[in-house]
Amino acid sequence: MKVMFMGTPDFSVYSLKLMVEEGYDVTSVVTQPDKKKGRGHKMAHPPVFDYAFEKKIEIYQPENLKKENFEEILIKENPDIIVVAAYGKILPEYVLNYPKYGCINVHASLLPKYRGAAPIQRCIIDGEEKTGVTIMYMEKGLDTGDMILKKEVEITRDDNYETLHDKLANIGTIALKEALMLIESGNFTREKQNDELSNYAPMIDKETAKIYWDKSAEDIFNLVRGLYPYPKSYTTYDGKLFKICKANVTDRKSNGKIGEITNVYKDSFDVACSDFNLNITKIQTEGKKEMDVSDYLKGNTIEKGKILGL
């Protein structure tokens, strides 16, 4: 079975590596074009490119998948199946209909919940206690295709975007391996999604990352860990950007104004939310690297009574 793999970030590499190590005939990889990265704005390959290059797999980086740009590649490679994991572009209908065994997607949620671009971040932000990976057939709609199988994982209170990403990427390889075996055997039943149970997980933008201190401490705690280590939730201190990297919900009732710094300790500080105080232990100030509050306070001050977000 000739496989074309489509993916871009680190999450995708897990699935590509699984197929290579399991001996699948991955003859081509399609990934996003190179992008500028870091403070130097140097052009950098996507993680999938680097792994495919190392394994001497044919690599394509089309600007888009319009028929006039991509059809020739598709015909040349002639895949029996296309496996997609966080590629980052919507596949046109002619691509979806081309492979003998169709196009399948490694999607980082328990569909039909969290369709869309940011399922890992959004399930943490929403305070979910479990999520998982769904292997599904792709169709014209956004993450609406028939499901092949699911694998579930627990979301703990210690999880953030980074740790949950790694959990899901790992379990995604197990799910993909099982799904490919089922497809090859032909001995499985496709499960339709219940659209009434679906919700959308849109991309994370600047507004999503902004902290509104009139929300509950629990809601803000979930936002902080859902957006760490990137792009990080933020507020302002004396009008300057102030990112919150790590925080915890306390049992201390808020006794100040919304967003007020109510207590400053040696290694943390409290901020009043709508119900309880949020205790903050790691921050990143404007133009600086992130650091523990204990280290920040050795050369800087955090003033009790200041209101964040003004």
Protein backbone atom coordinates (compact mmCIF):
# COMPACT_ATOMS: atom_id res chain seq x y z
CA MET A 1 0.00 0.00 0.00
CA LYS A 2 1.68 3.21 -1.22
CA VAL A 3 1.28 6.02 1.31
CA MET A 4 1.39 9.76 0.78
CA PHE A 5 1.78 11.53 4.11
CA MET A 6 0.61 15.12 4.67
CA GLY A 7 1.63 16.95 7.84
CA THR A 8 3.63 19.90 9.13
CA PRO A 9 4.40 20.38 12.88
CA ASP A 10 5.94 18.16 15.56
CA PHE A 11 2.58 16.44 16.13
CA SER A 12 2.74 15.11 12.57
CA VAL A 13 6.25 13.68 12.94
CA TYR A 14 5.04 11.10 15.46
CA SER A 15 2.65 9.58 12.90
CA LEU A 16 5.13 9.73 10.02
CA LYS A 17 7.83 8.11 12.15
CA LEU A 18 5.41 5.32 13.15
CA MET A 19 4.67 4.44 9.53
CA VAL A 20 8.34 4.50 8.52
CA GLU A 21 9.37 2.32 11.47
CA GLU A 22 6.50 -0.10 10.86
CA GLY A 23 7.66 -0.58 7.28
CA TYR A 24 4.83 1.15 5.44
CA ASP A 25 5.69 2.23 1.92
CA VAL A 26 5.72 5.98 2.50
CA THR A 27 6.81 7.20 -0.92
CA SER A 28 6.10 10.92 -0.53
CA VAL A 29 5.54 13.63 2.05
CA VAL A 30 3.58 16.84 1.53
CA THR A 31 4.20 19.64 4.01
CA GLN A 32 3.80 23.40 4.31
CA PRO A 33 6.30 25.79 2.70
CA ASP A 34 9.25 27.00 4.78
CA LYS A 35 8.54 29.95 7.08
CA LYS A 36 10.52 32.61 8.89
CA LYS A 37 11.26 31.62 12.45
CA GLY A 38 12.80 33.10 15.60
CA ARG A 39 14.17 36.56 16.28
CA GLY A 40 16.49 36.37 13.29
CA HIS A 41 13.54 35.61 10.99
CA LYS A 42 15.54 32.99 9.14
CA MET A 43 13.69 30.62 6.84
CA ALA A 44 13.16 27.22 8.50
CA HIS A 45 11.80 23.88 7.30
CA PRO A 46 8.74 22.39 9.04
CA PRO A 47 9.57 19.50 11.42
CA VAL A 48 8.03 16.97 8.99
CA PHE A 49 10.40 18.17 6.24
CA ASP A 50 13.43 17.53 8.43
CA TYR A 51 12.36 13.98 9.31
CA ALA A 52 11.41 13.11 5.71
CA PHE A 53 14.70 14.52 4.42
CA GLU A 54 16.62 12.40 6.94
CA LYS A 55 14.76 9.30 5.74
CA LYS A 56 15.25 10.22 2.05
CA ILE A 57 11.51 10.42 1.33
CA GLU A 58 10.34 12.56 -1.61
CA ILE A 59 9.16 15.93 -0.25
CA TYR A 60 6.68 18.41 -1.76
CA GLN A 61 5.88 21.87 -0.40
CA PRO A 62 3.12 23.29 -2.60
CA GLU A 63 1.88 26.80 -1.86
CA ASN A 64 -1.65 25.47 -2.29
CA LEU A 65 -3.46 22.31 -3.43
CA LYS A 66 -5.29 23.77 -6.40
CA LYS A 67 -5.67 21.31 -9.25
CA GLU A 68 -3.27 23.15 -11.55
CA ASN A 69 -0.56 23.08 -8.85
CA PHE A 70 -0.93 19.69 -7.21
CA GLU A 71 -2.70 17.26 -9.53
CA GLU A 72 0.48 16.43 -11.44
CA ILE A 73 2.22 15.49 -8.17
CA LEU A 74 -0.75 13.34 -7.14
CA ILE A 75 -0.74 11.45 -10.44
CA LYS A 76 3.03 11.01 -10.34
CA GLU A 77 3.04 9.59 -6.79
CA ASN A 78 -0.23 7.66 -7.29
CA PRO A 79 -0.82 6.87 -3.58
CA ASP A 80 -3.16 4.09 -2.47
CA ILE A 81 -3.93 6.07 0.68
CA ILE A 82 -3.23 9.57 1.99
CA VAL A 83 -2.57 9.90 5.72
CA VAL A 84 -3.00 13.41 7.13
CA ALA A 85 -1.88 14.65 10.55
CA ALA A 86 -2.03 18.40 11.25
CA TYR A 87 -1.17 19.38 7.69
CA GLY A 88 -2.76 22.82 8.01
CA LYS A 89 -4.60 23.09 4.70
CA ILE A 90 -8.04 21.88 3.59
CA LEU A 91 -7.84 19.12 0.99
CA PRO A 92 -9.81 19.78 -2.21
CA GLU A 93 -12.40 17.23 -3.33
CA TYR A 94 -10.29 15.92 -6.21
CA VAL A 95 -7.53 15.01 -3.71
CA LEU A 96 -9.98 13.38 -1.30
CA ASN A 97 -11.41 11.22 -4.09
CA TYR A 98 -8.10 10.15 -5.63
CA PRO A 99 -6.62 7.35 -3.45
CA LYS A 100 -8.03 3.82 -3.62
CA TYR A 101 -8.32 3.63 0.18
CA GLY A 102 -9.25 7.28 0.64
CA CYS A 103 -7.74 9.96 2.87
CA ILE A 104 -7.60 9.44 6.62
CA ASN A 105 -6.84 11.99 9.32
CA VAL A 106 -5.20 11.73 12.75
CA HIS A 107 -7.35 14.26 14.61
CA ALA A 108 -6.49 15.34 18.16
CA SER A 109 -9.92 15.18 19.77
CA LEU A 110 -12.74 12.76 20.47
CA LEU A 111 -14.91 13.65 17.50
CA PRO A 112 -17.45 15.02 16.93
CA LYS A 113 -16.28 17.34 19.74
CA TYR A 114 -13.62 19.92 18.90
CA ARG A 115 -13.62 19.95 15.15
CA GLY A 116 -11.25 22.54 13.73
CA ALA A 117 -7.76 23.93 14.06
CA ALA A 118 -7.03 24.07 17.81
CA PRO A 119 -8.62 21.06 19.55
CA ILE A 120 -5.79 20.47 22.04
CA GLN A 121 -5.73 24.03 23.38
CA ARG A 122 -9.50 24.44 23.37
CA CYS A 123 -10.29 21.31 25.39
CA ILE A 124 -7.95 22.50 28.18
CA ILE A 125 -9.35 26.04 28.04
CA ASP A 126 -12.86 24.59 28.36
CA GLY A 127 -11.87 22.55 31.41
CA GLU A 128 -12.40 19.12 29.85
CA GLU A 129 -11.23 16.13 31.89
CA LYS A 130 -10.62 13.84 28.94
CA THR A 131 -9.84 14.02 25.24
CA GLY A 132 -8.18 11.73 22.73
CA VAL A 133 -7.41 10.99 19.11
CA THR A 134 -9.84 10.04 16.38
CA ILE A 135 -8.78 8.35 13.15
CA MET A 136 -11.34 9.37 10.57
CA TYR A 137 -12.01 9.40 6.87
CA MET A 138 -11.78 12.86 5.35
CA GLU A 139 -14.58 14.39 3.36
CA LYS A 140 -15.56 17.82 2.09
CA GLY A 141 -16.76 19.13 5.49
CA LEU A 142 -14.40 20.22 8.27
CA ASP A 143 -13.59 17.11 10.35
CA THR A 144 -17.03 15.65 9.59
CA GLY A 145 -16.02 12.32 8.01
CA ASP A 146 -16.80 8.80 9.23
CA MET A 147 -14.75 7.61 12.19
CA ILE A 148 -12.61 4.47 12.16
CA LEU A 149 -11.55 4.38 15.81
CA LYS A 150 -10.80 6.52 18.89
CA LYS A 151 -8.26 6.44 21.71
CA GLU A 152 -8.96 8.34 24.93
CA VAL A 153 -6.58 10.11 27.35
CA GLU A 154 -7.11 11.82 30.71
CA ILE A 155 -6.45 15.53 31.09
CA THR A 156 -4.92 16.16 34.51
CA ARG A 157 -4.67 19.50 36.26
CA ASP A 158 -0.92 19.38 35.68
CA ASP A 159 -1.38 19.16 31.92
CA ASN A 160 -0.78 22.14 29.67
CA TYR A 161 -0.78 22.45 25.89
CA GLU A 162 2.73 21.01 25.64
CA THR A 163 2.19 17.93 27.82
CA LEU A 164 -1.22 17.12 26.35
CA HIS A 165 0.14 17.57 22.82
CA ASP A 166 2.78 14.92 23.55
CA LYS A 167 0.25 12.54 25.11
CA LEU A 168 -2.00 12.82 22.06
CA ALA A 169 0.83 12.57 19.56
CA ASN A 170 1.95 9.34 21.21
CA ILE A 171 -1.48 7.77 21.45
CA GLY A 172 -2.15 8.92 17.89
CA THR A 173 0.56 6.58 16.65
CA ILE A 174 -1.13 3.64 18.38
CA ALA A 175 -4.49 4.61 16.91
CA LEU A 176 -3.03 5.09 13.42
CA LYS A 177 -1.33 1.69 13.48
CA GLU A 178 -4.58 -0.03 14.46
CA ALA A 179 -6.57 1.92 11.88
CA LEU A 180 -4.20 1.04 9.03
CA MET A 181 -4.45 -2.64 9.99
CA LEU A 182 -8.26 -2.40 9.91
CA ILE A 183 -8.24 -0.66 6.52
CA GLU A 184 -5.93 -3.30 5.05
CA SER A 185 -8.13 -6.09 6.40
CA GLY A 186 -11.38 -4.43 5.33
CA ASN A 187 -12.95 -5.87 8.49
CA PHE A 188 -14.40 -2.84 10.27
CA THR A 189 -17.48 -0.61 10.33
CA ARG A 190 -17.29 3.11 9.63
CA GLU A 191 -19.05 5.17 12.31
CA LYS A 192 -20.97 8.26 11.30
CA GLN A 193 -20.53 11.39 13.43
CA ASN A 194 -23.46 12.91 15.27
CA ASP A 195 -23.37 16.54 14.14
CA GLU A 196 -25.62 17.57 17.05
CA LEU A 197 -22.79 16.75 19.47
CA SER A 198 -20.15 18.73 17.57
CA ASN A 199 -18.49 22.00 18.49
CA TYR A 200 -15.81 24.06 16.78
CA ALA A 201 -12.23 24.66 17.97
CA PRO A 202 -11.11 27.79 16.10
CA MET A 203 -7.52 28.94 15.81
CA ILE A 204 -6.02 30.72 18.81
CA ASP A 205 -5.76 34.47 18.27
CA LYS A 206 -4.69 37.46 20.35
CA GLU A 207 -8.17 37.95 21.78
CA THR A 208 -8.33 34.32 22.91
CA ALA A 209 -5.08 34.74 24.85
CA LYS A 210 -6.14 37.92 26.68
CA ILE A 211 -6.99 37.39 30.35
CA TYR A 212 -10.26 38.85 31.62
CA TRP A 213 -9.93 38.92 35.38
CA ASP A 214 -13.69 39.08 35.94
CA LYS A 215 -13.83 35.38 35.09
CA SER A 216 -13.44 32.67 37.71
CA ALA A 217 -9.99 31.63 38.92
CA GLU A 218 -10.65 28.17 37.46
CA ASP A 219 -11.42 29.60 34.00
CA ILE A 220 -8.24 31.68 34.00
CA PHE A 221 -6.18 28.73 35.30
CA ASN A 222 -7.45 26.67 32.34
CA LEU A 223 -6.64 29.47 29.90
CA VAL A 224 -3.08 29.78 31.24
CA ARG A 225 -2.28 26.08 30.89
CA GLY A 226 -4.16 25.72 27.60
CA LEU A 227 -1.91 28.36 26.00
CA TYR A 228 1.42 27.35 27.55
CA PRO A 229 4.10 27.30 26.24
CA TYR A 230 2.68 29.05 23.16
CA PRO A 231 1.35 31.65 22.62
CA LYS A 232 0.86 32.19 26.41
CA SER A 233 -2.03 34.04 28.03
CA TYR A 234 -1.40 37.70 28.76
CA THR A 235 -2.47 40.77 30.67
CA THR A 236 -0.77 44.12 31.35
CA TYR A 237 1.10 45.54 34.34
CA ASP A 238 1.46 49.34 34.34
CA GLY A 239 0.40 49.23 30.71
CA LYS A 240 3.14 46.82 29.65
CA LEU A 241 2.70 43.28 28.34
CA PHE A 242 2.70 40.73 31.15
CA LYS A 243 2.40 37.05 30.19
CA ILE A 244 1.25 34.45 32.69
CA CYS A 245 3.06 31.13 32.28
CA LYS A 246 2.03 29.14 35.34
CA ALA A 247 -0.67 29.62 37.95
CA ASN A 248 -2.82 27.76 40.46
CA VAL A 249 -6.32 28.21 41.84
CA THR A 250 -6.30 29.00 45.56
CA ASP A 251 -8.96 28.57 48.24
CA ARG A 252 -8.49 32.21 49.21
CA LYS A 253 -11.62 34.23 48.49
CA SER A 254 -11.05 37.36 46.42
CA ASN A 255 -10.97 40.36 48.75
CA GLY A 256 -9.89 43.02 46.27
CA LYS A 257 -10.97 44.60 43.03
CA ILE A 258 -11.09 42.44 39.91
CA GLY A 259 -7.51 42.02 38.64
CA GLU A 260 -5.94 43.45 41.80
CA ILE A 261 -2.69 42.01 43.13
CA THR A 262 -3.85 41.10 46.64
CA ASN A 263 -0.77 39.34 48.06
CA VAL A 264 2.92 39.17 47.13
CA TYR A 265 5.02 36.30 48.44
CA LYS A 266 8.68 35.32 47.98
CA ASP A 267 7.92 33.05 45.05
CA SER A 268 4.46 34.06 43.80
CA PHE A 269 1.63 36.57 43.96
CA ASP A 270 -2.18 36.46 44.11
CA VAL A 271 -4.59 38.17 41.75
CA ALA A 272 -8.27 38.68 42.53
CA CYS A 273 -10.67 36.97 40.11
CA SER A 274 -14.46 36.86 40.27
CA ASP A 275 -14.46 34.25 43.05
CA PHE A 276 -11.04 33.15 44.35
CA ASN A 277 -7.49 34.40 44.06
CA LEU A 278 -5.26 33.02 41.33
CA ASN A 279 -1.72 32.36 42.53
CA ILE A 280 0.89 33.09 39.84
CA THR A 281 4.32 31.42 39.97
CA LYS A 282 5.86 31.98 36.52
CA ILE A 283 5.69 35.03 34.25
CA GLN A 284 7.22 36.65 31.18
CA THR A 285 7.53 40.42 31.07
CA GLU A 286 7.85 42.57 27.98
CA GLY A 287 11.05 41.91 26.05
CA LYS A 288 12.30 39.32 28.57
CA LYS A 289 12.44 35.54 28.83
CA GLU A 290 9.97 33.70 31.05
CA MET A 291 11.06 33.16 34.63
CA ASP A 292 9.86 32.01 38.03
CA VAL A 293 8.37 34.79 40.09
CA SER A 294 10.96 34.04 42.81
CA ASP A 295 13.75 34.90 40.33
CA TYR A 296 11.91 37.94 38.96
CA LEU A 297 11.51 39.39 42.46
CA LYS A 298 15.27 39.32 43.07
CA GLY A 299 15.72 42.30 40.76
CA ASN A 300 12.20 43.67 40.29
CA THR A 301 9.11 44.52 42.29
CA ILE A 302 5.52 43.39 41.99
CA GLU A 303 3.40 45.90 43.87
CA LYS A 304 0.47 44.85 46.01
CA GLY A 305 -2.67 46.80 45.11
CA LYS A 306 -1.79 47.20 41.42
CA ILE A 307 -4.57 46.31 38.99
CA LEU A 308 -3.63 44.04 36.10
CA GLY A 309 -5.14 44.61 32.68
CA LEU A 310 -5.51 48.40 32.89
